């Protein structure tokens, strides 16, 4: 599921077995294709299970600098609404 900044659901994908990873479902979803094609604007925030895209911000796996750590910290705070 995808929610906006007011916690309203803007996309829900169903029909996959529980063992399928969220990133696989997202990659196969219509909304992912719409973001990739530029039909939908905005930025999504995801966890480290997702690949980073121009429309999907994910944590850095091996932060090295203060900027990297700050990025991860700020991203985590934004995701925990």
N, C-alpha and C. Protein backbone atom coordinates (compact mmCIF):
# COMPACT_ATOMS: atom_id res chain seq x y z
N UNK A 1 0.84 -1.18 0.00
CA UNK A 1 0.00 0.00 0.00
C UNK A 1 0.88 1.24 0.00
N UNK A 2 0.38 2.29 -0.61
CA UNK A 2 1.06 3.58 -0.62
C UNK A 2 0.11 4.60 0.00
N UNK A 3 0.65 5.37 0.94
CA UNK A 3 -0.15 6.44 1.55
C UNK A 3 0.52 7.77 1.27
N UNK A 4 -0.28 8.84 1.28
CA UNK A 4 0.29 10.17 1.08
C UNK A 4 0.64 10.79 2.43
N UNK A 5 1.03 12.05 2.41
CA UNK A 5 1.49 12.70 3.63
C UNK A 5 0.40 12.90 4.67
N UNK A 6 -0.87 12.75 4.29
CA UNK A 6 -1.96 12.84 5.26
C UNK A 6 -2.47 11.45 5.66
N UNK A 7 -1.69 10.42 5.30
CA UNK A 7 -1.97 9.02 5.64
C UNK A 7 -3.21 8.47 4.93
N UNK A 8 -3.56 9.04 3.78
CA UNK A 8 -4.65 8.51 2.96
C UNK A 8 -4.06 7.51 1.98
N UNK A 9 -4.71 6.37 1.83
CA UNK A 9 -4.25 5.38 0.87
C UNK A 9 -4.44 5.91 -0.54
N UNK A 10 -3.35 5.87 -1.33
CA UNK A 10 -3.45 6.29 -2.72
C UNK A 10 -3.24 5.12 -3.68
N UNK A 11 -2.79 3.98 -3.16
CA UNK A 11 -2.61 2.79 -4.00
C UNK A 11 -2.56 1.56 -3.11
N UNK A 12 -3.26 0.52 -3.52
CA UNK A 12 -3.25 -0.76 -2.82
C UNK A 12 -3.16 -1.85 -3.88
N UNK A 13 -2.26 -2.80 -3.67
CA UNK A 13 -2.11 -3.94 -4.58
C UNK A 13 -2.48 -5.19 -3.80
N UNK A 14 -3.38 -5.99 -4.35
CA UNK A 14 -3.80 -7.23 -3.70
C UNK A 14 -3.61 -8.39 -4.67
N UNK A 15 -3.81 -9.59 -4.17
CA UNK A 15 -3.79 -10.77 -5.02
C UNK A 15 -2.48 -11.53 -5.03
N UNK A 16 -1.50 -11.09 -4.26
CA UNK A 16 -0.22 -11.80 -4.19
C UNK A 16 -0.19 -12.65 -2.92
N UNK A 17 0.49 -13.82 -2.98
CA UNK A 17 0.62 -14.62 -1.76
C UNK A 17 1.49 -13.88 -0.73
N UNK A 18 1.30 -14.22 0.53
CA UNK A 18 2.01 -13.54 1.61
C UNK A 18 3.51 -13.67 1.57
N UNK A 19 4.04 -14.66 0.86
CA UNK A 19 5.48 -14.87 0.82
C UNK A 19 6.18 -13.99 -0.20
N UNK A 20 5.44 -13.25 -1.01
CA UNK A 20 6.05 -12.39 -2.03
C UNK A 20 6.52 -11.09 -1.38
N UNK A 21 7.75 -10.70 -1.69
CA UNK A 21 8.31 -9.48 -1.10
C UNK A 21 7.59 -8.25 -1.65
N UNK A 22 7.45 -7.25 -0.80
CA UNK A 22 6.78 -6.01 -1.18
C UNK A 22 7.40 -5.38 -2.43
N UNK A 23 8.73 -5.44 -2.54
CA UNK A 23 9.39 -4.80 -3.68
C UNK A 23 9.02 -5.48 -5.00
N UNK A 24 8.81 -6.78 -4.97
CA UNK A 24 8.39 -7.49 -6.18
C UNK A 24 6.97 -7.07 -6.58
N UNK A 25 6.10 -6.98 -5.60
CA UNK A 25 4.73 -6.53 -5.89
C UNK A 25 4.75 -5.11 -6.45
N UNK A 26 5.55 -4.24 -5.84
CA UNK A 26 5.61 -2.86 -6.30
C UNK A 26 6.15 -2.79 -7.73
N UNK A 27 7.22 -3.53 -8.00
CA UNK A 27 7.83 -3.51 -9.33
C UNK A 27 6.84 -3.96 -10.40
N UNK A 28 5.92 -4.83 -10.05
CA UNK A 28 4.92 -5.35 -10.99
C UNK A 28 3.65 -4.51 -11.01
N UNK A 29 3.56 -3.50 -10.16
CA UNK A 29 2.32 -2.74 -10.04
C UNK A 29 2.17 -1.69 -11.14
N UNK A 30 0.94 -1.31 -11.38
CA UNK A 30 0.65 -0.28 -12.36
C UNK A 30 1.25 1.06 -11.95
N UNK A 31 1.20 1.36 -10.65
CA UNK A 31 1.70 2.67 -10.22
C UNK A 31 3.21 2.79 -10.38
N UNK A 32 3.95 1.71 -10.24
CA UNK A 32 5.39 1.74 -10.48
C UNK A 32 5.65 2.11 -11.94
N UNK A 33 4.93 1.47 -12.85
CA UNK A 33 5.06 1.80 -14.27
C UNK A 33 4.71 3.24 -14.55
N UNK A 34 3.69 3.74 -13.87
CA UNK A 34 3.29 5.14 -14.06
C UNK A 34 4.37 6.10 -13.58
N UNK A 35 5.02 5.77 -12.46
CA UNK A 35 6.14 6.60 -12.00
C UNK A 35 7.29 6.52 -12.99
N UNK A 36 7.62 5.31 -13.46
CA UNK A 36 8.73 5.14 -14.40
C UNK A 36 8.50 5.90 -15.70
N UNK A 37 7.26 5.96 -16.16
CA UNK A 37 6.93 6.64 -17.42
C UNK A 37 6.68 8.14 -17.23
N UNK A 38 6.73 8.61 -15.99
CA UNK A 38 6.49 10.02 -15.72
C UNK A 38 5.03 10.43 -15.74
N UNK A 39 4.13 9.45 -15.70
CA UNK A 39 2.70 9.73 -15.70
C UNK A 39 2.22 10.19 -14.33
N UNK A 40 2.97 9.84 -13.30
CA UNK A 40 2.66 10.22 -11.92
C UNK A 40 3.88 10.96 -11.39
N UNK A 41 3.64 12.07 -10.72
CA UNK A 41 4.77 12.82 -10.16
C UNK A 41 4.82 12.63 -8.65
N UNK A 42 5.97 12.94 -8.09
CA UNK A 42 6.13 12.83 -6.66
C UNK A 42 7.32 11.96 -6.30
N UNK A 43 7.55 11.83 -5.03
CA UNK A 43 8.64 11.02 -4.50
C UNK A 43 8.06 10.05 -3.48
N UNK A 44 8.44 8.79 -3.59
CA UNK A 44 8.04 7.78 -2.62
C UNK A 44 9.21 7.52 -1.68
N UNK A 45 8.91 7.15 -0.45
CA UNK A 45 9.93 6.77 0.53
C UNK A 45 9.79 5.29 0.79
N UNK A 46 10.89 4.56 0.69
CA UNK A 46 10.85 3.12 0.91
C UNK A 46 11.94 2.67 1.86
N UNK A 47 11.87 1.42 2.26
CA UNK A 47 12.92 0.88 3.12
C UNK A 47 14.01 0.24 2.26
N UNK A 48 14.99 -0.37 2.91
CA UNK A 48 16.14 -0.91 2.19
C UNK A 48 15.82 -2.14 1.35
N UNK A 49 14.61 -2.65 1.44
CA UNK A 49 14.20 -3.77 0.61
C UNK A 49 13.87 -3.37 -0.82
N UNK A 50 13.80 -2.07 -1.08
CA UNK A 50 13.47 -1.56 -2.40
C UNK A 50 14.71 -1.01 -3.08
N UNK A 51 14.73 -1.10 -4.40
CA UNK A 51 15.81 -0.48 -5.17
C UNK A 51 15.54 1.02 -5.27
N UNK A 52 16.59 1.81 -5.22
CA UNK A 52 16.46 3.26 -5.33
C UNK A 52 16.18 3.64 -6.79
N UNK A 53 15.23 4.54 -7.00
CA UNK A 53 14.89 5.07 -8.32
C UNK A 53 14.79 6.58 -8.21
N UNK A 54 14.64 7.25 -9.33
CA UNK A 54 14.51 8.71 -9.28
C UNK A 54 13.23 9.13 -8.56
N UNK A 55 12.28 8.23 -8.42
CA UNK A 55 11.02 8.53 -7.74
C UNK A 55 10.88 7.80 -6.41
N UNK A 56 11.88 7.02 -6.02
CA UNK A 56 11.81 6.21 -4.80
C UNK A 56 13.10 6.36 -4.00
N UNK A 57 13.01 7.05 -2.87
CA UNK A 57 14.17 7.25 -2.01
C UNK A 57 14.25 6.11 -1.00
N UNK A 58 15.42 5.48 -0.94
CA UNK A 58 15.65 4.39 0.00
C UNK A 58 16.93 4.68 0.79
N UNK A 59 17.10 4.03 1.95
CA UNK A 59 18.31 4.27 2.74
C UNK A 59 19.57 3.82 2.02
N UNK A 60 20.66 4.49 2.32
CA UNK A 60 21.97 4.06 1.83
C UNK A 60 22.39 2.85 2.64
N UNK A 61 22.84 1.80 1.97
CA UNK A 61 23.18 0.56 2.67
C UNK A 61 24.48 0.66 3.47
N UNK A 62 25.44 1.42 2.97
CA UNK A 62 26.72 1.57 3.67
C UNK A 62 27.08 3.04 3.81
N UNK A 63 26.38 3.76 4.68
CA UNK A 63 26.69 5.19 4.82
C UNK A 63 28.12 5.39 5.30
N UNK A 64 28.80 6.35 4.69
CA UNK A 64 30.21 6.59 5.01
C UNK A 64 30.45 7.96 5.63
N UNK A 65 29.66 8.93 5.21
CA UNK A 65 29.90 10.31 5.64
C UNK A 65 28.77 10.79 6.54
N UNK A 66 28.99 11.93 7.16
CA UNK A 66 27.94 12.54 7.99
C UNK A 66 26.71 12.83 7.13
N UNK A 67 26.92 13.27 5.90
CA UNK A 67 25.80 13.54 4.99
C UNK A 67 25.00 12.26 4.74
N UNK A 68 25.71 11.14 4.53
CA UNK A 68 25.04 9.85 4.32
C UNK A 68 24.20 9.46 5.55
N UNK A 69 24.80 9.60 6.73
CA UNK A 69 24.09 9.25 7.96
C UNK A 69 22.89 10.17 8.19
N UNK A 70 23.06 11.45 7.90
CA UNK A 70 21.94 12.40 8.03
C UNK A 70 20.82 12.05 7.06
N UNK A 71 21.18 11.69 5.83
CA UNK A 71 20.18 11.28 4.84
C UNK A 71 19.36 10.11 5.38
N UNK A 72 20.05 9.07 5.84
CA UNK A 72 19.35 7.89 6.37
C UNK A 72 18.48 8.24 7.57
N UNK A 73 19.00 9.06 8.45
CA UNK A 73 18.25 9.45 9.64
C UNK A 73 16.98 10.23 9.27
N UNK A 74 17.12 11.19 8.37
CA UNK A 74 15.96 11.98 7.94
C UNK A 74 14.95 11.12 7.19
N UNK A 75 15.42 10.22 6.36
CA UNK A 75 14.52 9.33 5.63
C UNK A 75 13.74 8.45 6.60
N UNK A 76 14.42 7.92 7.60
CA UNK A 76 13.76 7.06 8.58
C UNK A 76 12.68 7.83 9.34
N UNK A 77 12.99 9.06 9.74
CA UNK A 77 12.00 9.88 10.46
C UNK A 77 10.78 10.16 9.60
N UNK A 78 10.97 10.40 8.32
CA UNK A 78 9.85 10.70 7.42
C UNK A 78 8.97 9.48 7.19
N UNK A 79 9.58 8.31 7.21
CA UNK A 79 8.82 7.08 6.97
C UNK A 79 7.99 6.67 8.17
N UNK A 80 8.39 7.08 9.36
CA UNK A 80 7.69 6.68 10.59
C UNK A 80 6.66 7.72 10.98
N UNK A 81 5.62 7.80 10.21
CA UNK A 81 4.57 8.79 10.47
C UNK A 81 3.53 8.24 11.41
